[in-house]
Amino acid sequence: MSPPEKAAAPGWYLDGRGTLHWWNGLRWTQDEPDDAAPTTPDRTIDWGSTSILTILALVLSVVVAPVGLVLGCVSIAIARRQLRPTPLLAVVAAAAGVLGTTVGVFSVLALGVLAQ
């Protein structure tokens, strides 16, 4: 029996021969399901194991990064209107805002895919 595709987590899987068996995360066991065993593996996110740093990074990239993007662009626009050189800090803030916003959007999309 070959390992289940993309299934590192323990659970009930079809073993390649159409029989449901228990995958313990490393190898197949000889266990077969009784009537109460689920027929599909649980793909929910375990929020208890999600670290606080991951949640904080997601919040910062979704909330703070767009603010940096907007403020950086406003600062660049004001400097140009006043015919002054563009402040380096404004360019850095805008670039970091673009990067952070992009990471935040992809993180939210990835979490949505993982939750299904």
PDB file of N, CA and C in Angstrom:
ATOM      1  N   MET A   1       0.855  -1.187   0.000  1.00  0.00           N
ATOM      2  CA  MET A   1       0.000   0.000   0.000  1.00  0.00           C
ATOM      3  C   MET A   1       0.892   1.239   0.000  1.00  0.00           C
ATOM      4  N   SER A   2       0.571   2.176  -0.833  1.00  0.00           N
ATOM      5  CA  SER A   2       1.348   3.410  -0.891  1.00  0.00           C
ATOM      6  C   SER A   2       0.722   4.441   0.045  1.00  0.00           C
ATOM      7  N   PRO A   3       1.527   5.412   0.509  1.00  0.00           N
ATOM      8  CA  PRO A   3       0.979   6.441   1.412  1.00  0.00           C
ATOM      9  C   PRO A   3      -0.082   7.277   0.708  1.00  0.00           C
ATOM     10  N   PRO A   4      -1.033   7.813   1.463  1.00  0.00           N
ATOM     11  CA  PRO A   4      -2.048   8.673   0.856  1.00  0.00           C
ATOM     12  C   PRO A   4      -1.419   9.955   0.340  1.00  0.00           C
ATOM     13  N   GLU A   5      -1.960  10.498  -0.748  1.00  0.00           N
ATOM     14  CA  GLU A   5      -1.429  11.732  -1.310  1.00  0.00           C
ATOM     15  C   GLU A   5      -1.690  12.894  -0.371  1.00  0.00           C
ATOM     16  N   LYS A   6      -0.665  13.718  -0.157  1.00  0.00           N
ATOM     17  CA  LYS A   6      -0.774  14.938   0.643  1.00  0.00           C
ATOM     18  C   LYS A   6      -1.429  14.692   1.987  1.00  0.00           C
ATOM     19  N   ALA A   7      -1.200  13.543   2.577  1.00  0.00           N
ATOM     20  CA  ALA A   7      -1.867  13.226   3.834  1.00  0.00           C
ATOM     21  C   ALA A   7      -0.840  12.824   4.877  1.00  0.00           C
ATOM     22  N   ALA A   8      -0.225  13.794   5.501  1.00  0.00           N
ATOM     23  CA  ALA A   8       0.721  13.491   6.557  1.00  0.00           C
ATOM     24  C   ALA A   8      -0.002  13.279   7.874  1.00  0.00           C
ATOM     25  N   ALA A   9      -1.197  13.846   8.011  1.00  0.00           N
ATOM     26  CA  ALA A   9      -1.942  13.754   9.264  1.00  0.00           C
ATOM     27  C   ALA A   9      -2.569  12.375   9.404  1.00  0.00           C
ATOM     28  N   PRO A  10      -2.586  11.839  10.613  1.00  0.00           N
ATOM     29  CA  PRO A  10      -3.259  10.565  10.830  1.00  0.00           C
ATOM     30  C   PRO A  10      -4.745  10.666  10.501  1.00  0.00           C
ATOM     31  N   GLY A  11      -5.286   9.587   9.966  1.00  0.00           N
ATOM     32  CA  GLY A  11      -6.705   9.566   9.648  1.00  0.00           C
ATOM     33  C   GLY A  11      -7.069   8.352   8.824  1.00  0.00           C
ATOM     34  N   TRP A  12      -8.354   8.222   8.542  1.00  0.00           N
ATOM     35  CA  TRP A  12      -8.861   7.133   7.703  1.00  0.00           C
ATOM     36  C   TRP A  12      -8.740   7.532   6.241  1.00  0.00           C
ATOM     37  N   TYR A  13      -8.078   6.697   5.451  1.00  0.00           N
ATOM     38  CA  TYR A  13      -7.876   6.974   4.037  1.00  0.00           C
ATOM     39  C   TYR A  13      -8.110   5.701   3.230  1.00  0.00           C
ATOM     40  N   LEU A  14      -8.442   5.868   1.962  1.00  0.00           N
ATOM     41  CA  LEU A  14      -8.484   4.734   1.052  1.00  0.00           C
ATOM     42  C   LEU A  14      -7.048   4.302   0.797  1.00  0.00           C
ATOM     43  N   ASP A  15      -6.789   3.026   0.855  1.00  0.00           N
ATOM     44  CA  ASP A  15      -5.413   2.525   0.792  1.00  0.00           C
ATOM     45  C   ASP A  15      -4.889   2.280  -0.613  1.00  0.00           C
ATOM     46  N   GLY A  16      -5.586   2.682  -1.636  1.00  0.00           N
ATOM     47  CA  GLY A  16      -5.141   2.443  -3.006  1.00  0.00           C
ATOM     48  C   GLY A  16      -5.815   1.229  -3.613  1.00  0.00           C
ATOM     49  N   ARG A  17      -6.370   0.366  -2.769  1.00  0.00           N
ATOM     50  CA  ARG A  17      -7.116  -0.798  -3.253  1.00  0.00           C
ATOM     51  C   ARG A  17      -8.608  -0.624  -2.999  1.00  0.00           C
ATOM     52  N   GLY A  18      -8.993   0.592  -2.559  1.00  0.00           N
ATOM     53  CA  GLY A  18     -10.402   0.866  -2.314  1.00  0.00           C
ATOM     54  C   GLY A  18     -10.875   0.506  -0.922  1.00  0.00           C
ATOM     55  N   THR A  19      -9.948   0.113  -0.045  1.00  0.00           N
ATOM     56  CA  THR A  19     -10.299  -0.258   1.323  1.00  0.00           C
ATOM     57  C   THR A  19      -9.883   0.869   2.258  1.00  0.00           C
ATOM     58  N   LEU A  20     -10.753   1.188   3.195  1.00  0.00           N
ATOM     59  CA  LEU A  20     -10.464   2.239   4.167  1.00  0.00           C
ATOM     60  C   LEU A  20      -9.575   1.668   5.268  1.00  0.00           C
ATOM     61  N   HIS A  21      -8.422   2.318   5.489  1.00  0.00           N
ATOM     62  CA  HIS A  21      -7.484   1.905   6.535  1.00  0.00           C
ATOM     63  C   HIS A  21      -7.020   3.131   7.306  1.00  0.00           C
ATOM     64  N   TRP A  22      -6.455   2.892   8.481  1.00  0.00           N
ATOM     65  CA  TRP A  22      -5.929   3.972   9.314  1.00  0.00           C
ATOM     66  C   TRP A  22      -4.489   4.264   8.918  1.00  0.00           C
ATOM     67  N   TRP A  23      -4.220   5.543   8.594  1.00  0.00           N
ATOM     68  CA  TRP A  23      -2.866   6.034   8.332  1.00  0.00           C
ATOM     69  C   TRP A  23      -2.428   6.748   9.589  1.00  0.00           C
ATOM     70  N   ASN A  24      -1.348   6.283  10.257  1.00  0.00           N
ATOM     71  CA  ASN A  24      -0.940   6.863  11.542  1.00  0.00           C
ATOM     72  C   ASN A  24      -0.006   8.060  11.394  1.00  0.00           C
ATOM     73  N   GLY A  25       0.178   8.510  10.186  1.00  0.00           N
ATOM     74  CA  GLY A  25       1.072   9.637   9.923  1.00  0.00           C
ATOM     75  C   GLY A  25       2.409   9.192   9.368  1.00  0.00           C
ATOM     76  N   LEU A  26       2.752   7.915   9.586  1.00  0.00           N
ATOM     77  CA  LEU A  26       4.009   7.360   9.083  1.00  0.00           C
ATOM     78  C   LEU A  26       3.792   6.137   8.200  1.00  0.00           C
ATOM     79  N   ARG A  27       2.807   5.317   8.578  1.00  0.00           N
ATOM     80  CA  ARG A  27       2.569   4.086   7.826  1.00  0.00           C
ATOM     81  C   ARG A  27       1.124   3.639   8.025  1.00  0.00           C
ATOM     82  N   TRP A  28       0.703   2.689   7.206  1.00  0.00           N
ATOM     83  CA  TRP A  28      -0.623   2.098   7.339  1.00  0.00           C
ATOM     84  C   TRP A  28      -0.624   1.148   8.524  1.00  0.00           C
ATOM     85  N   THR A  29      -1.711   1.092   9.249  1.00  0.00           N
ATOM     86  CA  THR A  29      -1.870   0.086  10.306  1.00  0.00           C
ATOM     87  C   THR A  29      -2.815  -0.997   9.795  1.00  0.00           C
ATOM     88  N   GLN A  30      -2.984  -2.024  10.576  1.00  0.00           N
ATOM     89  CA  GLN A  30      -3.889  -3.104  10.197  1.00  0.00           C
ATOM     90  C   GLN A  30      -5.330  -2.806  10.604  1.00  0.00           C
ATOM     91  N   ASP A  31      -5.543  -1.661  11.259  1.00  0.00           N
ATOM     92  CA  ASP A  31      -6.890  -1.309  11.711  1.00  0.00           C
ATOM     93  C   ASP A  31      -7.823  -1.095  10.530  1.00  0.00           C
ATOM     94  N   GLU A  32      -9.019  -1.563  10.686  1.00  0.00           N
ATOM     95  CA  GLU A  32     -10.073  -1.309   9.715  1.00  0.00           C
ATOM     96  C   GLU A  32     -11.211  -0.627  10.449  1.00  0.00           C
ATOM     97  N   PRO A  33     -11.954   0.226   9.762  1.00  0.00           N
ATOM     98  CA  PRO A  33     -12.982   1.007  10.460  1.00  0.00           C
ATOM     99  C   PRO A  33     -14.158   0.151  10.913  1.00  0.00           C
ATOM    100  N   ASP A  34     -14.724   0.563  12.045  1.00  0.00           N
ATOM    101  CA  ASP A  34     -16.010  -0.016  12.423  1.00  0.00           C
ATOM    102  C   ASP A  34     -17.092   0.890  11.841  1.00  0.00           C
ATOM    103  N   ASP A  35     -18.303   0.684  12.161  1.00  0.00           N
ATOM    104  CA  ASP A  35     -19.383   1.470  11.570  1.00  0.00           C
ATOM    105  C   ASP A  35     -19.334   2.935  11.973  1.00  0.00           C
ATOM    106  N   ALA A  36     -18.683   3.260  13.110  1.00  0.00           N
ATOM    107  CA  ALA A  36     -18.668   4.637  13.596  1.00  0.00           C
ATOM    108  C   ALA A  36     -17.494   5.449  13.038  1.00  0.00           C
ATOM    109  N   ALA A  37     -16.572   4.813  12.312  1.00  0.00           N
ATOM    110  CA  ALA A  37     -15.395   5.525  11.805  1.00  0.00           C
ATOM    111  C   ALA A  37     -15.788   6.469  10.677  1.00  0.00           C
ATOM    112  N   PRO A  38     -15.188   7.642  10.645  1.00  0.00           N
ATOM    113  CA  PRO A  38     -15.492   8.580   9.553  1.00  0.00           C
ATOM    114  C   PRO A  38     -14.968   8.034   8.228  1.00  0.00           C
ATOM    115  N   THR A  39     -15.592   8.427   7.160  1.00  0.00           N
ATOM    116  CA  THR A  39     -15.170   7.939   5.847  1.00  0.00           C
ATOM    117  C   THR A  39     -14.201   8.892   5.164  1.00  0.00           C
ATOM    118  N   THR A  40     -14.075  10.109   5.659  1.00  0.00           N
ATOM    119  CA  THR A  40     -13.126  11.058   5.080  1.00  0.00           C
ATOM    120  C   THR A  40     -12.298  11.668   6.200  1.00  0.00           C
ATOM    121  N   PRO A  41     -11.050  12.013   5.909  1.00  0.00           N
ATOM    122  CA  PRO A  41     -10.214  12.623   6.941  1.00  0.00           C
ATOM    123  C   PRO A  41     -10.699  14.031   7.286  1.00  0.00           C
ATOM    124  N   ASP A  42     -10.451  14.424   8.523  1.00  0.00           N
ATOM    125  CA  ASP A  42     -10.827  15.753   8.984  1.00  0.00           C
ATOM    126  C   ASP A  42      -9.796  16.757   8.484  1.00  0.00           C
ATOM    127  N   ARG A  43     -10.237  17.756   7.731  1.00  0.00           N
ATOM    128  CA  ARG A  43      -9.332  18.753   7.145  1.00  0.00           C
ATOM    129  C   ARG A  43      -9.511  20.122   7.795  1.00  0.00           C
ATOM    130  N   THR A  44     -10.005  20.179   9.013  1.00  0.00           N
ATOM    131  CA  THR A  44     -10.214  21.468   9.656  1.00  0.00           C
ATOM    132  C   THR A  44      -8.904  21.999  10.222  1.00  0.00           C
ATOM    133  N   ILE A  45      -8.845  23.295  10.400  1.00  0.00           N
ATOM    134  CA  ILE A  45      -7.660  23.925  10.977  1.00  0.00           C
ATOM    135  C   ILE A  45      -7.721  23.776  12.490  1.00  0.00           C
ATOM    136  N   ASP A  46      -6.624  23.342  13.074  1.00  0.00           N
ATOM    137  CA  ASP A  46      -6.530  23.222  14.522  1.00  0.00           C
ATOM    138  C   ASP A  46      -6.054  24.564  15.066  1.00  0.00           C
ATOM    139  N   TRP A  47      -7.013  25.415  15.443  1.00  0.00           N
ATOM    140  CA  TRP A  47      -6.664  26.759  15.910  1.00  0.00           C
ATOM    141  C   TRP A  47      -5.900  26.725  17.216  1.00  0.00           C
ATOM    142  N   GLY A  48      -6.014  25.645  17.963  1.00  0.00           N
ATOM    143  CA  GLY A  48      -5.262  25.540  19.216  1.00  0.00           C
ATOM    144  C   GLY A  48      -3.766  25.451  18.980  1.00  0.00           C
ATOM    145  N   SER A  49      -3.341  24.927  17.831  1.00  0.00           N
ATOM    146  CA  SER A  49      -1.919  24.793  17.562  1.00  0.00           C
ATOM    147  C   SER A  49      -1.360  25.977  16.778  1.00  0.00           C
ATOM    148  N   THR A  50      -2.223  26.904  16.372  1.00  0.00           N
ATOM    149  CA  THR A  50      -1.758  28.079  15.644  1.00  0.00           C
ATOM    150  C   THR A  50      -1.084  29.028  16.625  1.00  0.00           C
ATOM    151  N   SER A  51       0.138  29.395  16.311  1.00  0.00           N
ATOM    152  CA  SER A  51       0.872  30.234  17.256  1.00  0.00           C
ATOM    153  C   SER A  51       0.364  31.671  17.226  1.00  0.00           C
ATOM    154  N   ILE A  52       0.520  32.343  18.325  1.00  0.00           N
ATOM    155  CA  ILE A  52       0.098  33.738  18.442  1.00  0.00           C
ATOM    156  C   ILE A  52       0.911  34.621  17.498  1.00  0.00           C
ATOM    157  N   LEU A  53       2.153  34.229  17.223  1.00  0.00           N
ATOM    158  CA  LEU A  53       2.971  35.019  16.295  1.00  0.00           C
ATOM    159  C   LEU A  53       2.426  34.947  14.870  1.00  0.00           C
ATOM    160  N   THR A  54       1.896  33.797  14.490  1.00  0.00           N
ATOM    161  CA  THR A  54       1.302  33.665  13.160  1.00  0.00           C
ATOM    162  C   THR A  54       0.081  34.550  13.036  1.00  0.00           C
ATOM    163  N   ILE A  55      -0.756  34.548  14.059  1.00  0.00           N
ATOM    164  CA  ILE A  55      -1.959  35.380  14.044  1.00  0.00           C
ATOM    165  C   ILE A  55      -1.569  36.851  14.035  1.00  0.00           C
ATOM    166  N   LEU A  56      -0.584  37.231  14.829  1.00  0.00           N
ATOM    167  CA  LEU A  56      -0.124  38.611  14.869  1.00  0.00           C
ATOM    168  C   LEU A  56       0.441  39.039  13.508  1.00  0.00           C
ATOM    169  N   ALA A  57       1.214  38.175  12.865  1.00  0.00           N
ATOM    170  CA  ALA A  57       1.762  38.498  11.542  1.00  0.00           C
ATOM    171  C   ALA A  57       0.647  38.691  10.525  1.00  0.00           C
ATOM    172  N   LEU A  58      -0.371  37.857  10.598  1.00  0.00           N
ATOM    173  CA  LEU A  58      -1.492  37.990   9.670  1.00  0.00           C
ATOM    174  C   LEU A  58      -2.228  39.304   9.892  1.00  0.00           C
ATOM    175  N   VAL A  59      -2.496  39.639  11.156  1.00  0.00           N
ATOM    176  CA  VAL A  59      -3.200  40.887  11.464  1.00  0.00           C
ATOM    177  C   VAL A  59      -2.370  42.083  11.015  1.00  0.00           C
ATOM    178  N   LEU A  60      -1.084  42.057  11.292  1.00  0.00           N
ATOM    179  CA  LEU A  60      -0.227  43.180  10.890  1.00  0.00           C
ATOM    180  C   LEU A  60      -0.166  43.325   9.379  1.00  0.00           C
ATOM    181  N   SER A  61      -0.084  42.210   8.666  1.00  0.00           N
ATOM    182  CA  SER A  61       0.013  42.320   7.210  1.00  0.00           C
ATOM    183  C   SER A  61      -1.303  42.740   6.581  1.00  0.00           C
ATOM    184  N   VAL A  62      -2.419  42.425   7.219  1.00  0.00           N
ATOM    185  CA  VAL A  62      -3.719  42.790   6.650  1.00  0.00           C
ATOM    186  C   VAL A  62      -4.136  44.202   7.055  1.00  0.00           C
ATOM    187  N   VAL A  63      -3.758  44.637   8.248  1.00  0.00           N
ATOM    188  CA  VAL A  63      -4.214  45.935   8.753  1.00  0.00           C
ATOM    189  C   VAL A  63      -3.149  47.023   8.615  1.00  0.00           C
ATOM    190  N   VAL A  64      -1.958  46.761   9.095  1.00  0.00           N
ATOM    191  CA  VAL A  64      -0.933  47.801   9.166  1.00  0.00           C
ATOM    192  C   VAL A  64      -0.286  48.064   7.803  1.00  0.00           C
ATOM    193  N   ALA A  65      -0.063  47.032   7.016  1.00  0.00           N
ATOM    194  CA  ALA A  65       0.606  47.214   5.731  1.00  0.00           C
ATOM    195  C   ALA A  65      -0.151  48.145   4.789  1.00  0.00           C
ATOM    196  N   PRO A  66      -1.477  48.006   4.653  1.00  0.00           N
ATOM    197  CA  PRO A  66      -2.179  48.967   3.787  1.00  0.00           C
ATOM    198  C   PRO A  66      -2.081  50.409   4.288  1.00  0.00           C
ATOM    199  N   VAL A  67      -2.012  50.590   5.600  1.00  0.00           N
ATOM    200  CA  VAL A  67      -1.856  51.946   6.148  1.00  0.00           C
ATOM    201  C   VAL A  67      -0.496  52.516   5.736  1.00  0.00           C
ATOM    202  N   GLY A  68       0.559  51.714   5.825  1.00  0.00           N
ATOM    203  CA  GLY A  68       1.884  52.151   5.385  1.00  0.00           C
ATOM    204  C   GLY A  68       1.910  52.465   3.906  1.00  0.00           C
ATOM    205  N   LEU A  69       1.206  51.663   3.127  1.00  0.00           N
ATOM    206  CA  LEU A  69       1.120  51.900   1.686  1.00  0.00           C
ATOM    207  C   LEU A  69       0.457  53.247   1.400  1.00  0.00           C
ATOM    208  N   VAL A  70      -0.668  53.495   2.044  1.00  0.00           N
ATOM    209  CA  VAL A  70      -1.407  54.751   1.813  1.00  0.00           C
ATOM    210  C   VAL A  70      -0.591  55.952   2.284  1.00  0.00           C
ATOM    211  N   LEU A  71      -0.044  55.884   3.492  1.00  0.00           N
ATOM    212  CA  LEU A  71       0.725  57.019   4.017  1.00  0.00           C
ATOM    213  C   LEU A  71       1.983  57.285   3.188  1.00  0.00           C
ATOM    214  N   GLY A  72       2.649  56.227   2.736  1.00  0.00           N
ATOM    215  CA  GLY A  72       3.818  56.403   1.883  1.00  0.00           C
ATOM    216  C   GLY A  72       3.457  57.083   0.571  1.00  0.00           C
ATOM    217  N   CYS A  73       2.358  56.662  -0.041  1.00  0.00           N
ATOM    218  CA  CYS A  73       1.922  57.272  -1.307  1.00  0.00           C
ATOM    219  C   CYS A  73       1.490  58.727  -1.107  1.00  0.00           C
ATOM    220  N   VAL A  74       0.815  59.010  -0.009  1.00  0.00           N
ATOM    221  CA  VAL A  74       0.408  60.394   0.286  1.00  0.00           C
ATOM    222  C   VAL A  74       1.647  61.269   0.482  1.00  0.00           C
ATOM    223  N   SER A  75       2.621  60.765   1.193  1.00  0.00           N
ATOM    224  CA  SER A  75       3.847  61.524   1.426  1.00  0.00           C
ATOM    225  C   SER A  75       4.589  61.804   0.113  1.00  0.00           C
ATOM    226  N   ILE A  76       4.614  60.807  -0.773  1.00  0.00           N
ATOM    227  CA  ILE A  76       5.253  61.000  -2.084  1.00  0.00           C
ATOM    228  C   ILE A  76       4.489  62.052  -2.890  1.00  0.00           C
ATOM    229  N   ALA A  77       3.170  61.976  -2.855  1.00  0.00           N
ATOM    230  CA  ALA A  77       2.353  62.940  -3.613  1.00  0.00           C
ATOM    231  C   ALA A  77       2.535  64.360  -3.089  1.00  0.00           C
ATOM    232  N   ILE A  78       2.589  64.530  -1.772  1.00  0.00           N
ATOM    233  CA  ILE A  78       2.780  65.865  -1.189  1.00  0.00           C
ATOM    234  C   ILE A  78       4.148  66.421  -1.586  1.00  0.00           C
ATOM    235  N   ALA A  79       5.171  65.585  -1.521  1.00  0.00           N
ATOM    236  CA  ALA A  79       6.519  66.044  -1.883  1.00  0.00           C
ATOM    237  C   ALA A  79       6.566  66.461  -3.354  1.00  0.00           C
ATOM    238  N   ARG A  80       5.929  65.719  -4.211  1.00  0.00           N
ATOM    239  CA  ARG A  80       5.923  66.069  -5.639  1.00  0.00           C
ATOM    240  C   ARG A  80       5.144  67.355  -5.888  1.00  0.00           C
ATOM    241  N   ARG A  81       4.029  67.518  -5.171  1.00  0.00           N
ATOM    242  CA  ARG A  81       3.217  68.735  -5.348  1.00  0.00           C
ATOM    243  C   ARG A  81       4.004  69.966  -4.909  1.00  0.00           C
ATOM    244  N   GLN A  82       4.807  69.818  -3.883  1.00  0.00           N
ATOM    245  CA  GLN A  82       5.594  70.939  -3.388  1.00  0.00           C
ATOM    246  C   GLN A  82       6.942  71.036  -4.096  1.00  0.00           C
ATOM    247  N   LEU A  83       7.143  70.229  -5.123  1.00  0.00           N
ATOM    248  CA  LEU A  83       8.367  70.218  -5.928  1.00  0.00           C
ATOM    249  C   LEU A  83       9.614  69.977  -5.076  1.00  0.00           C
ATOM    250  N   ARG A  84       9.454  69.122  -4.085  1.00  0.00           N
ATOM    251  CA  ARG A  84      10.591  68.731  -3.250  1.00  0.00           C
ATOM    252  C   ARG A  84      11.019  67.320  -3.630  1.00  0.00           C
ATOM    253  N   PRO A  85      12.241  66.932  -3.261  1.00  0.00           N
ATOM    254  CA  PRO A  85      12.667  65.552  -3.531  1.00  0.00           C
ATOM    255  C   PRO A  85      11.797  64.558  -2.747  1.00  0.00           C
ATOM    256  N   THR A  86      11.571  63.412  -3.330  1.00  0.00           N
ATOM    257  CA  THR A  86      10.760  62.385  -2.675  1.00  0.00           C
ATOM    258  C   THR A  86      11.535  61.814  -1.488  1.00  0.00           C
ATOM    259  N   PRO A  87      10.937  61.836  -0.296  1.00  0.00           N
ATOM    260  CA  PRO A  87      11.633  61.282   0.878  1.00  0.00           C
ATOM    261  C   PRO A  87      11.844  59.777   0.733  1.00  0.00           C
ATOM    262  N   LEU A  88      13.034  59.320   1.057  1.00  0.00           N
ATOM    263  CA  LEU A  88      13.360  57.898   0.975  1.00  0.00           C
ATOM    264  C   LEU A  88      12.452  57.077   1.884  1.00  0.00           C
ATOM    265  N   LEU A  89      12.143  57.602   3.050  1.00  0.00           N
ATOM    266  CA  LEU A  89      11.287  56.879   3.996  1.00  0.00           C
ATOM    267  C   LEU A  89       9.888  56.652   3.411  1.00  0.00           C
ATOM    268  N   ALA A  90       9.396  57.600   2.635  1.00  0.00           N
ATOM    269  CA  ALA A  90       8.074  57.437   2.009  1.00  0.00           C
ATOM    270  C   ALA A  90       8.105  56.320   0.975  1.00  0.00           C
ATOM    271  N   VAL A  91       9.194  56.237   0.221  1.00  0.00           N
ATOM    272  CA  VAL A  91       9.328  55.173  -0.772  1.00  0.00           C
ATOM    273  C   VAL A  91       9.428  53.813  -0.083  1.00  0.00           C
ATOM    274  N   VAL A  92      10.190  53.755   0.995  1.00  0.00           N
ATOM    275  CA  VAL A  92      10.327  52.504   1.754  1.00  0.00           C
ATOM    276  C   VAL A  92       8.979  52.102   2.356  1.00  0.00           C
ATOM    277  N   ALA A  93       8.235  53.066   2.917  1.00  0.00           N
ATOM    278  CA  ALA A  93       6.926  52.766   3.498  1.00  0.00           C
ATOM    279  C   ALA A  93       5.958  52.254   2.441  1.00  0.00           C
ATOM    280  N   ALA A  94       5.956  52.871   1.273  1.00  0.00           N
ATOM    281  CA  ALA A  94       5.065  52.427   0.202  1.00  0.00           C
ATOM    282  C   ALA A  94       5.443  51.028  -0.278  1.00  0.00           C
ATOM    283  N   ALA A  95       6.746  50.775  -0.449  1.00  0.00           N
ATOM    284  CA  ALA A  95       7.193  49.454  -0.901  1.00  0.00           C
ATOM    285  C   ALA A  95       6.879  48.377   0.139  1.00  0.00           C
ATOM    286  N   ALA A  96       7.129  48.675   1.415  1.00  0.00           N
ATOM    287  CA  ALA A  96       6.808  47.720   2.474  1.00  0.00           C
ATOM    288  C   ALA A  96       5.307  47.498   2.553  1.00  0.00           C
ATOM    289  N   GLY A  97       4.533  48.552   2.310  1.00  0.00           N
ATOM    290  CA  GLY A  97       3.080  48.421   2.308  1.00  0.00           C
ATOM    291  C   GLY A  97       2.582  47.522   1.200  1.00  0.00           C
ATOM    292  N   VAL A  98       3.179  47.645   0.022  1.00  0.00           N
ATOM    293  CA  VAL A  98       2.803  46.770  -1.103  1.00  0.00           C
ATOM    294  C   VAL A  98       3.136  45.316  -0.764  1.00  0.00           C
ATOM    295  N   LEU A  99       4.342  45.096  -0.262  1.00  0.00           N
ATOM    296  CA  LEU A  99       4.760  43.739   0.078  1.00  0.00           C
ATOM    297  C   LEU A  99       3.892  43.149   1.187  1.00  0.00           C
ATOM    298  N   GLY A 100       3.671  43.916   2.237  1.00  0.00           N
ATOM    299  CA  GLY A 100       2.868  43.428   3.359  1.00  0.00           C
ATOM    300  C   GLY A 100       1.425  43.166   2.979  1.00  0.00           C
ATOM    301  N   THR A 101       0.852  44.045   2.169  1.00  0.00           N
ATOM    302  CA  THR A 101      -0.531  43.857   1.724  1.00  0.00           C
ATOM    303  C   THR A 101      -0.647  42.600   0.866  1.00  0.00           C
ATOM    304  N   THR A 102       0.320  42.391  -0.015  1.00  0.00           N
ATOM    305  CA  THR A 102       0.316  41.198  -0.860  1.00  0.00           C
ATOM    306  C   THR A 102       0.416  39.931  -0.016  1.00  0.00           C
ATOM    307  N   VAL A 103       1.321  39.921   0.950  1.00  0.00           N
ATOM    308  CA  VAL A 103       1.468  38.762   1.838  1.00  0.00           C
ATOM    309  C   VAL A 103       0.182  38.539   2.626  1.00  0.00           C
ATOM    310  N   GLY A 104      -0.418  39.605   3.110  1.00  0.00           N
ATOM    311  CA  GLY A 104      -1.659  39.485   3.867  1.00  0.00           C
ATOM    312  C   GLY A 104      -2.790  38.903   3.048  1.00  0.00           C
ATOM    313  N   VAL A 105      -2.934  39.374   1.824  1.00  0.00           N
ATOM    314  CA  VAL A 105      -4.004  38.864   0.956  1.00  0.00           C
ATOM    315  C   VAL A 105      -3.790  37.384   0.665  1.00  0.00           C
ATOM    316  N   PHE A 106      -2.557  36.997   0.326  1.00  0.00           N
ATOM    317  CA  PHE A 106      -2.298  35.593   0.040  1.00  0.00           C
ATOM    318  C   PHE A 106      -2.445  34.724   1.297  1.00  0.00           C
ATOM    319  N   SER A 107      -2.116  35.260   2.464  1.00  0.00           N
ATOM    320  CA  SER A 107      -2.293  34.510   3.709  1.00  0.00           C
ATOM    321  C   SER A 107      -3.762  34.239   3.984  1.00  0.00           C
ATOM    322  N   VAL A 108      -4.592  35.249   3.797  1.00  0.00           N
ATOM    323  CA  VAL A 108      -6.030  35.068   4.009  1.00  0.00           C
ATOM    324  C   VAL A 108      -6.584  34.060   3.011  1.00  0.00           C
ATOM    325  N   LEU A 109      -6.155  34.149   1.749  1.00  0.00           N
ATOM    326  CA  LEU A 109      -6.604  33.187   0.744  1.00  0.00           C
ATOM    327  C   LEU A 109      -6.150  31.769   1.090  1.00  0.00           C
ATOM    328  N   ALA A 110      -4.910  31.634   1.558  1.00  0.00           N
ATOM    329  CA  ALA A 110      -4.396  30.306   1.922  1.00  0.00           C
ATOM    330  C   ALA A 110      -5.164  29.722   3.096  1.00  0.00           C
ATOM    331  N   LEU A 111      -5.471  30.551   4.084  1.00  0.00           N
ATOM    332  CA  LEU A 111      -6.252  30.064   5.220  1.00  0.00           C
ATOM    333  C   LEU A 111      -7.647  29.640   4.782  1.00  0.00           C
ATOM    334  N   GLY A 112      -8.218  30.369   3.827  1.00  0.00           N
ATOM    335  CA  GLY A 112      -9.537  29.982   3.306  1.00  0.00           C
ATOM    336  C   GLY A 112      -9.487  28.637   2.605  1.00  0.00           C
ATOM    337  N   VAL A 113      -8.413  28.398   1.854  1.00  0.00           N
ATOM    338  CA  VAL A 113      -8.269  27.108   1.158  1.00  0.00           C
ATOM    339  C   VAL A 113      -8.056  25.992   2.165  1.00  0.00           C
ATOM    340  N   LEU A 114      -7.223  26.229   3.182  1.00  0.00           N
ATOM    341  CA  LEU A 114      -6.952  25.202   4.180  1.00  0.00           C
ATOM    342  C   LEU A 114      -8.172  24.871   5.031  1.00  0.00           C
ATOM    343  N   ALA A 115      -9.047  25.844   5.204  1.00  0.00           N
ATOM    344  CA  ALA A 115     -10.234  25.623   6.035  1.00  0.00           C
ATOM    345  C   ALA A 115     -11.276  24.748   5.332  1.00  0.00           C
ATOM    346  N   GLN A 116     -11.157  24.594   4.023  1.00  0.00           N
ATOM    347  CA  GLN A 116     -12.142  23.785   3.297  1.00  0.00           C
ATOM    348  C   GLN A 116     -11.819  22.320   3.368  1.00  0.00           C
TER     349      GLN A 116
END
